[in-house]
Amino acid sequence: MRKSALTVIFLTVFIDLIGFGIVLPLLPLYSDHFGASGFVIGMISASFSVMQFLFSPVWGRFSDRVGRRPVILISLAGEAISYAIFAWASQMGGEWGLYLLLASRTFAGICGGNITVVQAAIADVTPPQKRSASMGLIGAAFGLGFIFGPVIGALFARLGLAAPGWAAFILCSANFLLAYMILPETWKPNSEHATGRIQLGQWKQVLRQPHIGLLVSLFFLATFCFACYETTLALLVHRNFNYEAVHVGYLFAFNGIISVFIQGGLIKRLVKRLGEPNLIFLSMLLLGISLLILPFFHSLPGLLLGIGLLAIGSSLNRPPTFGLISVLTHSQDQGITMGIAQSAGSLARILGPIFSATLFKENHIIPYVICGMISVIGGVLAWQLLRKIPKTHLEEAP
């Protein structure tokens, strides 16, 4: 039951994230084509994360009452509808097209709050000592979705602006039907509750712990900088290279391939060789350098070098950060602390797009330079402060 259920859950999430990967790289480019200001582009890009942040606890509590399966099915159907709205908006263009783009991403974010339910479903069928490895399936699905999704989006973009949206709609509709036929109900009367909303007092409790508060802050900064890149890359390559949706999809797929290669196995050897503090420093340094140089490239080799460095830096950040947070956190506080770190990342994905897209319209170099400096300074702080963690704690890291 456990292995078959995990396989079905992974397949469901993977197909769902292919649809997400089809649309995400195209969103800023479409918004710009339809005449959006930088702030509006940022708001449209951030709307998904805002709704996901707000609705994740709602879906989680609902799944505790009615079961995981119906909630996942409802959300999958809703996401398919959101892609149909995206395709409709792509055909319409103009001001009404922008309204529909915002509506599609807002609705997708509401349905995307099902990630809490997916995590609860995995917990339902996995013993506590194996949950970390099982939860890694979600990370793998994200990585693979960001390889296949942008490529599919690039291929369909050749058929017109609306074609990628319709492709995502068809794929996610098929995913809903597949899940309806094979997704089991995992909830049982003795199942743990899905993650609820984190209270302000819990934020204070976690952030006032020096090393853990620093790690959560560094993760926020790294995610903020990556979100800025994610939002503006399509605009940057359109400006510097006159690239369209087709090329943007391939560039995001290139990023995804590097990320999967690193997180798929290389990261474990790097953690053992360098240790978490050094790896966090290296990740933020590479991320910062890549952001500082990206807007100045006007040749494809230079562009690929910048994106490659950024993909390496961003891929190296999350595993050692969360690993070190876990080692430094008491067992009874693991859930809350990890939840705070995840929420910090969600807030960064809300603020980053608005910040970067607004500044990009003023000067395309400014957001990259600012984010690059933020990441480099964060890396220096990591180098200076994380080395003060007692070695006895670091030796306990997995």
Protein backbone atom coordinates (compact mmCIF):
# COMPACT_ATOMS: atom_id res chain seq x y z
CA MET A 1 0.00 0.00 0.00
CA ARG A 2 2.73 2.46 1.01
CA LYS A 3 4.87 2.13 -2.13
CA SER A 4 1.92 2.12 -4.51
CA ALA A 5 0.34 5.13 -2.80
CA LEU A 6 3.62 7.07 -2.88
CA THR A 7 4.07 6.26 -6.57
CA VAL A 8 0.58 7.51 -7.40
CA ILE A 9 1.06 10.68 -5.30
CA PHE A 10 4.41 11.36 -6.99
CA LEU A 11 2.91 10.86 -10.45
CA THR A 12 0.01 13.17 -9.63
CA VAL A 13 2.29 15.93 -8.32
CA PHE A 14 4.75 15.49 -11.19
CA ILE A 15 2.12 15.91 -13.91
CA ASP A 16 0.59 18.81 -12.01
CA LEU A 17 3.96 20.57 -11.88
CA ILE A 18 4.58 20.05 -15.58
CA GLY A 19 1.52 22.24 -16.13
CA PHE A 20 2.93 24.77 -13.68
CA GLY A 21 6.29 24.67 -15.47
CA ILE A 22 4.61 25.29 -18.84
CA VAL A 23 3.00 28.54 -17.74
CA LEU A 24 5.41 30.10 -15.22
CA PRO A 25 8.26 31.12 -17.57
CA LEU A 26 5.79 32.71 -20.01
CA LEU A 27 3.82 34.77 -17.52
CA PRO A 28 6.04 37.91 -17.30
CA LEU A 29 6.54 37.93 -21.08
CA TYR A 30 2.80 37.72 -21.78
CA SER A 31 2.03 40.38 -19.17
CA ASP A 32 4.60 42.69 -20.75
CA HIS A 33 3.20 42.07 -24.25
CA PHE A 34 -0.26 43.02 -22.98
CA GLY A 35 1.01 46.39 -21.74
CA ALA A 36 1.39 45.76 -18.00
CA SER A 37 3.51 48.06 -15.85
CA GLY A 38 6.34 46.57 -13.83
CA PHE A 39 4.26 46.61 -10.66
CA VAL A 40 1.36 44.81 -12.38
CA ILE A 41 3.73 42.18 -13.80
CA GLY A 42 5.03 41.62 -10.28
CA MET A 43 1.53 41.40 -8.82
CA ILE A 44 0.42 38.86 -11.43
CA SER A 45 3.54 36.78 -10.80
CA ALA A 46 3.16 37.03 -7.01
CA SER A 47 -0.58 36.30 -6.95
CA PHE A 48 -0.02 32.53 -7.08
CA SER A 49 2.24 32.55 -4.01
CA VAL A 50 -0.08 34.91 -2.10
CA MET A 51 -3.05 32.60 -2.56
CA GLN A 52 -1.01 29.47 -1.92
CA PHE A 53 0.26 30.99 1.33
CA LEU A 54 -3.26 31.89 2.47
CA PHE A 55 -5.06 28.73 1.40
CA SER A 56 -2.57 25.98 2.27
CA PRO A 57 -3.79 25.78 5.91
CA VAL A 58 -7.43 25.95 4.72
CA TRP A 59 -7.01 22.97 2.41
CA GLY A 60 -5.10 21.13 5.13
CA ARG A 61 -7.87 21.54 7.73
CA PHE A 62 -10.50 20.62 5.14
CA SER A 63 -8.61 17.41 4.29
CA ASP A 64 -8.58 16.49 8.00
CA ARG A 65 -12.40 16.52 7.84
CA VAL A 66 -13.25 15.02 4.45
CA GLY A 67 -10.09 13.11 3.53
CA ARG A 68 -7.07 13.77 1.31
CA ARG A 69 -8.41 12.32 -1.93
CA PRO A 70 -11.42 14.63 -2.49
CA VAL A 71 -9.38 17.74 -1.67
CA ILE A 72 -6.59 16.76 -4.06
CA LEU A 73 -9.13 15.99 -6.80
CA ILE A 74 -10.94 19.32 -6.32
CA SER A 75 -7.67 21.23 -6.46
CA LEU A 76 -6.48 19.36 -9.57
CA ALA A 77 -9.73 20.17 -11.37
CA GLY A 78 -9.41 23.81 -10.30
CA GLU A 79 -5.86 24.04 -11.60
CA ALA A 80 -6.94 22.66 -14.98
CA ILE A 81 -9.60 25.38 -15.14
CA SER A 82 -6.99 28.02 -14.25
CA TYR A 83 -4.91 27.01 -17.28
CA ALA A 84 -7.97 27.30 -19.52
CA ILE A 85 -8.42 30.85 -18.21
CA PHE A 86 -4.72 31.49 -18.91
CA ALA A 87 -5.15 30.30 -22.50
CA TRP A 88 -8.26 32.47 -22.90
CA ALA A 89 -6.37 35.48 -21.56
CA SER A 90 -3.52 34.80 -24.00
CA GLN A 91 -5.94 34.95 -26.92
CA MET A 92 -7.59 38.13 -25.66
CA GLY A 93 -4.58 40.33 -24.82
CA GLY A 94 -4.85 43.96 -23.75
CA GLU A 95 -6.32 45.16 -20.45
CA TRP A 96 -8.90 42.39 -20.21
CA GLY A 97 -6.19 39.87 -20.98
CA LEU A 98 -4.24 41.18 -17.97
CA TYR A 99 -7.30 40.87 -15.73
CA LEU A 100 -7.76 37.28 -16.85
CA LEU A 101 -4.07 36.49 -16.36
CA LEU A 102 -4.38 37.75 -12.79
CA ALA A 103 -7.58 35.73 -12.30
CA SER A 104 -5.95 32.59 -13.68
CA ARG A 105 -2.91 32.83 -11.41
CA THR A 106 -5.01 33.77 -8.37
CA PHE A 107 -7.27 30.75 -8.92
CA ALA A 108 -4.24 28.53 -9.58
CA GLY A 109 -2.68 29.71 -6.31
CA ILE A 110 -5.83 28.88 -4.37
CA CYS A 111 -5.77 25.37 -5.82
CA GLY A 112 -1.98 25.19 -5.44
CA GLY A 113 -2.45 25.29 -1.70
CA ASN A 114 -2.96 21.53 -2.03
CA ILE A 115 0.77 21.04 -1.37
CA THR A 116 -0.07 20.84 2.34
CA VAL A 117 -2.56 18.07 1.62
CA VAL A 118 -0.05 16.19 -0.53
CA GLN A 119 2.48 16.35 2.31
CA ALA A 120 -0.20 15.10 4.73
CA ALA A 121 -1.05 12.22 2.35
CA ILE A 122 2.62 11.20 2.24
CA ALA A 123 2.76 11.35 6.05
CA ASP A 124 -0.37 9.17 6.22
CA VAL A 125 1.35 6.26 4.46
CA THR A 126 4.93 6.72 5.70
CA PRO A 127 6.37 5.87 9.13
CA PRO A 128 8.01 8.83 10.90
CA GLN A 129 11.59 7.59 10.41
CA LYS A 130 11.13 7.47 6.61
CA ARG A 131 9.20 10.69 6.07
CA SER A 132 12.17 12.91 5.21
CA ALA A 133 13.10 10.65 2.31
CA SER A 134 9.46 10.37 1.20
CA MET A 135 8.95 14.12 1.33
CA GLY A 136 11.90 14.35 -1.04
CA LEU A 137 9.54 13.04 -3.71
CA ILE A 138 7.93 16.47 -3.80
CA GLY A 139 11.30 18.11 -4.45
CA ALA A 140 12.03 15.59 -7.20
CA ALA A 141 8.62 16.27 -8.78
CA PHE A 142 9.36 20.01 -8.72
CA GLY A 143 12.73 19.51 -10.38
CA LEU A 144 11.42 17.23 -13.11
CA GLY A 145 8.37 19.42 -13.67
CA PHE A 146 10.69 22.38 -14.30
CA ILE A 147 12.56 20.39 -16.94
CA PHE A 148 9.64 18.99 -18.92
CA GLY A 149 7.19 21.87 -18.38
CA PRO A 150 9.26 24.68 -19.95
CA VAL A 151 10.23 22.45 -22.89
CA ILE A 152 6.59 21.58 -23.58
CA GLY A 153 5.69 25.24 -23.22
CA ALA A 154 8.45 26.21 -25.67
CA LEU A 155 7.30 23.66 -28.24
CA PHE A 156 3.65 24.71 -28.05
CA ALA A 157 4.54 28.41 -28.07
CA ARG A 158 5.45 27.92 -31.73
CA LEU A 159 1.72 27.39 -32.37
CA GLY A 160 0.63 30.70 -30.84
CA LEU A 161 0.36 32.52 -27.53
CA ALA A 162 -2.62 30.49 -26.33
CA ALA A 163 -1.23 27.05 -27.21
CA PRO A 164 0.91 26.55 -24.04
CA GLY A 165 -2.10 27.34 -21.84
CA TRP A 166 -4.30 24.85 -23.68
CA ALA A 167 -1.52 22.25 -23.46
CA ALA A 168 -1.36 22.74 -19.69
CA PHE A 169 -5.17 22.52 -19.49
CA ILE A 170 -5.27 19.23 -21.41
CA LEU A 171 -2.40 17.75 -19.42
CA CYS A 172 -3.90 18.70 -16.05
CA SER A 173 -7.37 17.55 -17.07
CA ALA A 174 -5.87 14.16 -17.93
CA ASN A 175 -4.09 14.24 -14.56
CA PHE A 176 -7.41 14.81 -12.80
CA LEU A 177 -8.96 11.82 -14.59
CA LEU A 178 -5.94 9.66 -13.80
CA ALA A 179 -6.03 10.66 -10.14
CA TYR A 180 -9.77 10.04 -10.01
CA MET A 181 -9.18 6.47 -11.19
CA ILE A 182 -6.06 5.48 -9.22
CA LEU A 183 -5.43 7.92 -6.33
CA PRO A 184 -6.23 6.14 -3.04
CA GLU A 185 -7.62 7.72 0.12
CA THR A 186 -4.78 7.83 2.63
CA TRP A 187 -6.51 9.51 5.58
CA LYS A 188 -7.29 7.30 8.59
CA PRO A 189 -8.89 8.11 11.96
CA ASN A 190 -5.44 8.08 13.57
CA SER A 191 -3.76 10.24 10.89
CA GLU A 192 -1.88 13.32 12.02
CA HIS A 193 -3.45 16.68 11.28
CA ALA A 194 -2.25 18.58 8.23
CA THR A 195 -0.08 21.62 8.95
CA GLY A 196 -2.11 24.58 10.20
CA ARG A 197 -1.42 28.30 10.10
CA ILE A 198 1.69 29.39 11.96
CA GLN A 199 1.10 31.97 14.68
CA LEU A 200 3.07 35.19 15.23
CA GLY A 201 4.37 33.95 18.57
CA GLN A 202 5.86 30.91 16.86
CA TRP A 203 7.70 33.17 14.40
CA LYS A 204 9.21 35.08 17.33
CA GLN A 205 10.13 31.85 19.11
CA VAL A 206 12.05 30.53 16.07
CA LEU A 207 13.68 33.77 14.88
CA ARG A 208 15.04 34.75 18.31
CA GLN A 209 17.25 31.62 18.28
CA PRO A 210 20.50 33.05 16.85
CA HIS A 211 21.66 30.32 14.49
CA ILE A 212 18.22 29.13 13.43
CA GLY A 213 17.00 32.70 12.97
CA LEU A 214 20.05 33.40 10.79
CA LEU A 215 19.44 30.31 8.66
CA VAL A 216 15.77 31.19 8.13
CA SER A 217 16.76 34.75 7.21
CA LEU A 218 19.39 33.52 4.74
CA PHE A 219 16.86 31.18 3.15
CA PHE A 220 14.44 34.10 2.81
CA LEU A 221 17.12 36.20 1.08
CA ALA A 222 18.19 33.40 -1.27
CA THR A 223 14.57 32.66 -2.22
CA PHE A 224 13.85 36.38 -2.67
CA CYS A 225 16.81 36.74 -5.05
CA PHE A 226 15.86 33.62 -7.03
CA ALA A 227 12.25 34.82 -7.30
CA CYS A 228 13.52 38.09 -8.75
CA TYR A 229 15.48 36.18 -11.40
CA GLU A 230 12.54 33.87 -12.09
CA THR A 231 10.21 36.83 -12.66
CA THR A 232 12.48 38.94 -14.86
CA LEU A 233 14.53 36.45 -16.90
CA ALA A 234 12.00 36.37 -19.73
CA LEU A 235 11.93 40.17 -19.81
CA LEU A 236 15.73 40.36 -19.72
CA VAL A 237 16.37 37.96 -22.60
CA HIS A 238 13.62 39.60 -24.64
CA ARG A 239 15.33 42.95 -24.14
CA ASN A 240 18.94 41.81 -24.66
CA PHE A 241 18.42 39.04 -27.22
CA ASN A 242 14.91 39.61 -28.59
CA TYR A 243 14.05 36.10 -27.38
CA GLU A 244 10.41 35.04 -27.30
CA ALA A 245 8.43 32.40 -25.40
CA VAL A 246 10.08 29.49 -27.24
CA HIS A 247 13.59 30.47 -26.15
CA VAL A 248 12.51 31.29 -22.59
CA GLY A 249 11.14 27.77 -22.15
CA TYR A 250 14.43 26.22 -23.21
CA LEU A 251 16.41 28.47 -20.85
CA PHE A 252 14.26 27.46 -17.87
CA ALA A 253 14.62 23.81 -18.85
CA PHE A 254 18.42 24.26 -18.91
CA ASN A 255 18.18 25.65 -15.38
CA GLY A 256 16.02 22.70 -14.31
CA ILE A 257 18.41 20.08 -15.69
CA ILE A 258 21.30 21.49 -13.69
CA SER A 259 19.16 21.66 -10.54
CA VAL A 260 18.04 18.04 -10.82
CA PHE A 261 21.62 16.88 -11.43
CA ILE A 262 22.85 18.63 -8.27
CA GLN A 263 19.94 17.79 -6.00
CA GLY A 264 19.65 14.26 -7.35
CA GLY A 265 22.84 13.05 -5.71
CA LEU A 266 25.77 15.44 -5.98
CA ILE A 267 24.56 17.50 -3.04
CA LYS A 268 25.11 14.64 -0.58
CA ARG A 269 28.80 14.34 -1.48
CA LEU A 270 29.26 18.10 -1.33
CA VAL A 271 27.70 18.30 2.14
CA LYS A 272 30.06 15.58 3.40
CA ARG A 273 33.11 17.22 1.85
CA LEU A 274 32.45 20.91 2.54
CA GLY A 275 29.96 20.93 5.41
CA GLU A 276 26.70 22.88 5.60
CA PRO A 277 28.08 26.34 6.56
CA ASN A 278 30.62 26.38 3.71
CA LEU A 279 28.05 25.11 1.24
CA ILE A 280 25.52 27.79 2.22
CA PHE A 281 28.23 30.44 1.81
CA LEU A 282 29.19 29.03 -1.61
CA SER A 283 25.59 28.85 -2.76
CA MET A 284 24.85 32.48 -1.93
CA LEU A 285 28.16 33.65 -3.41
CA LEU A 286 27.45 31.87 -6.73
CA LEU A 287 23.87 33.14 -6.74
CA GLY A 288 25.05 36.69 -6.12
CA ILE A 289 27.80 36.62 -8.75
CA SER A 290 25.46 35.21 -11.39
CA LEU A 291 22.86 37.90 -10.72
CA LEU A 292 25.50 40.64 -10.89
CA ILE A 293 26.74 39.53 -14.33
CA LEU A 294 23.54 38.31 -16.03
CA PRO A 295 22.16 41.65 -17.29
CA PHE A 296 25.48 42.52 -18.97
CA PHE A 297 25.69 39.49 -21.26
CA HIS A 298 24.75 39.91 -24.91
CA SER A 299 26.02 36.57 -26.21
CA LEU A 300 24.43 33.14 -25.77
CA PRO A 301 27.52 31.49 -24.17
CA GLY A 302 27.67 34.26 -21.59
CA LEU A 303 23.94 33.96 -20.90
CA LEU A 304 24.19 30.19 -20.41
CA LEU A 305 27.19 30.68 -18.12
CA GLY A 306 25.22 33.12 -15.96
CA ILE A 307 22.14 30.90 -15.82
CA GLY A 308 24.30 27.85 -15.12
CA LEU A 309 26.04 29.53 -12.18
CA LEU A 310 22.69 30.68 -10.84
CA ALA A 311 21.20 27.19 -11.15
CA ILE A 312 24.16 25.73 -9.25
CA GLY A 313 23.98 28.38 -6.53
CA SER A 314 20.23 28.09 -6.00
CA SER A 315 20.33 24.27 -6.03
CA LEU A 316 23.06 24.19 -3.39
CA ASN A 317 21.14 26.42 -0.98
CA ARG A 318 18.04 24.63 0.24
CA PRO A 319 19.35 21.14 1.26
CA PRO A 320 22.18 22.27 3.58
CA THR A 321 20.03 25.09 4.98
CA PHE A 322 17.16 22.82 5.94
CA GLY A 323 19.54 20.08 7.03
CA LEU A 324 21.31 22.43 9.42
CA ILE A 325 18.01 23.85 10.70
CA SER A 326 16.86 20.30 11.42
CA VAL A 327 20.09 19.43 13.28
CA LEU A 328 19.90 22.56 15.44
CA THR A 329 16.20 22.15 16.28
CA HIS A 330 14.86 20.08 19.15
CA SER A 331 12.85 17.07 17.97
CA GLN A 332 9.58 18.36 19.42
CA ASP A 333 9.96 21.69 17.58
CA GLN A 334 10.83 20.29 14.15
CA GLY A 335 7.39 20.82 12.62
CA ILE A 336 7.03 24.44 13.69
CA THR A 337 10.60 25.39 12.78
CA MET A 338 10.40 23.81 9.32
CA GLY A 339 7.01 25.44 8.83
CA ILE A 340 8.49 28.87 9.66
CA ALA A 341 11.31 28.31 7.16
CA GLN A 342 8.85 27.26 4.46
CA SER A 343 6.67 30.28 5.21
CA ALA A 344 9.71 32.57 4.96
CA GLY A 345 10.29 31.15 1.48
CA SER A 346 6.65 31.76 0.55
CA LEU A 347 6.87 35.39 1.68
CA ALA A 348 10.03 35.82 -0.41
CA ARG A 349 8.19 34.48 -3.48
CA ILE A 350 5.48 37.08 -2.85
CA LEU A 351 7.75 40.10 -2.35
CA GLY A 352 10.46 39.19 -4.87
CA PRO A 353 8.36 39.40 -8.07
CA ILE A 354 6.79 42.74 -7.12
CA PHE A 355 10.16 44.23 -6.18
CA SER A 356 12.04 43.02 -9.25
CA ALA A 357 9.44 43.60 -11.95
CA THR A 358 8.74 47.13 -10.72
CA LEU A 359 12.44 48.07 -10.76
CA PHE A 360 13.10 46.25 -14.04
CA LYS A 361 10.76 48.61 -15.87
CA GLU A 362 12.77 51.54 -14.53
CA ASN A 363 16.18 50.06 -15.33
CA HIS A 364 16.77 46.41 -16.22
CA ILE A 365 20.13 46.30 -14.41
CA ILE A 366 18.99 47.62 -11.02
CA PRO A 367 17.10 44.56 -9.65
CA TYR A 368 19.92 42.22 -10.66
CA VAL A 369 22.61 44.37 -9.04
CA ILE A 370 20.59 44.83 -5.84
CA CYS A 371 19.74 41.14 -5.55
CA GLY A 372 23.29 40.17 -6.42
CA MET A 373 24.64 42.36 -3.63
CA ILE A 374 22.03 41.04 -1.18
CA SER A 375 23.08 37.48 -1.94
CA VAL A 376 26.82 38.20 -1.68
CA ILE A 377 26.35 40.02 1.64
CA GLY A 378 24.20 37.13 2.86
CA GLY A 379 26.98 34.74 1.88
CA VAL A 380 29.53 36.77 3.84
CA LEU A 381 27.24 36.72 6.89
CA ALA A 382 26.90 32.96 6.51
CA TRP A 383 30.68 32.61 6.34
CA GLN A 384 31.22 34.77 9.42
CA LEU A 385 28.42 33.58 11.68
CA LEU A 386 27.68 29.96 10.80
CA ARG A 387 31.27 28.98 11.56
CA LYS A 388 30.51 29.84 15.20
CA ILE A 389 28.13 26.88 15.47
CA PRO A 390 29.72 24.30 17.79
CA LYS A 391 31.34 21.48 15.81
CA THR A 392 29.57 18.94 17.98
CA HIS A 393 26.28 20.11 16.43
CA LEU A 394 27.62 20.02 12.88
CA GLU A 395 28.92 16.49 13.29
CA GLU A 396 25.36 15.38 14.00
CA ALA A 397 24.21 16.57 10.57
CA PRO A 398 23.01 13.82 8.25
